[in-house]
Amino acid sequence: MVQSGDVVGGAGMQVLLASVGSITFAPTAGVLLNAADVGIDVSLDAGTLIRTVALLQLVPFAIGLLMRRYAAPTAQSWHPAAASVSNITFLIVLVGSSSATGKASSHSSAPSPSSPVSCSLPPPSPLARC
């Protein structure tokens, strides 16, 4: 949309998707967590999630739209610095998430075929084995 110059349509689409995403994420994640059978102690507070999305996405977006509308020269002068900071923080998030994914996959709890398997609890009966 923005490539053809429809900034208003693109902005409206972002607000719509952020709002719908914040409302539907908690139920969808709950269904997926239940289907994955990760346990009963996992819960999501939908209200907190919606407030977080509103504060981290919708409020800055609204401030940006208001600045562009009512303080266009200031918004234009801040654009190069904001674009640089945005690109750098995106790269930091990208590297951080990929390194976290690498750490999670390298620290598997399953024993390797060459490592011995041991029991930490005594067997409940003389016939039980680990």
Foldseek 3Di string as FASTA:
>chain_A
DVVVPPVVVVLVVQVVCLQVCLQPVQVVVVVVCVVVCPDDPDHDDSVVSNVVSCVPPVVVSVVLVVCCVPVVVVSVVCVVVVVVVVVVVVVVVVVVVVVVVVVVVVPDPDDDPPDDDDDPDDDPDPVDDD
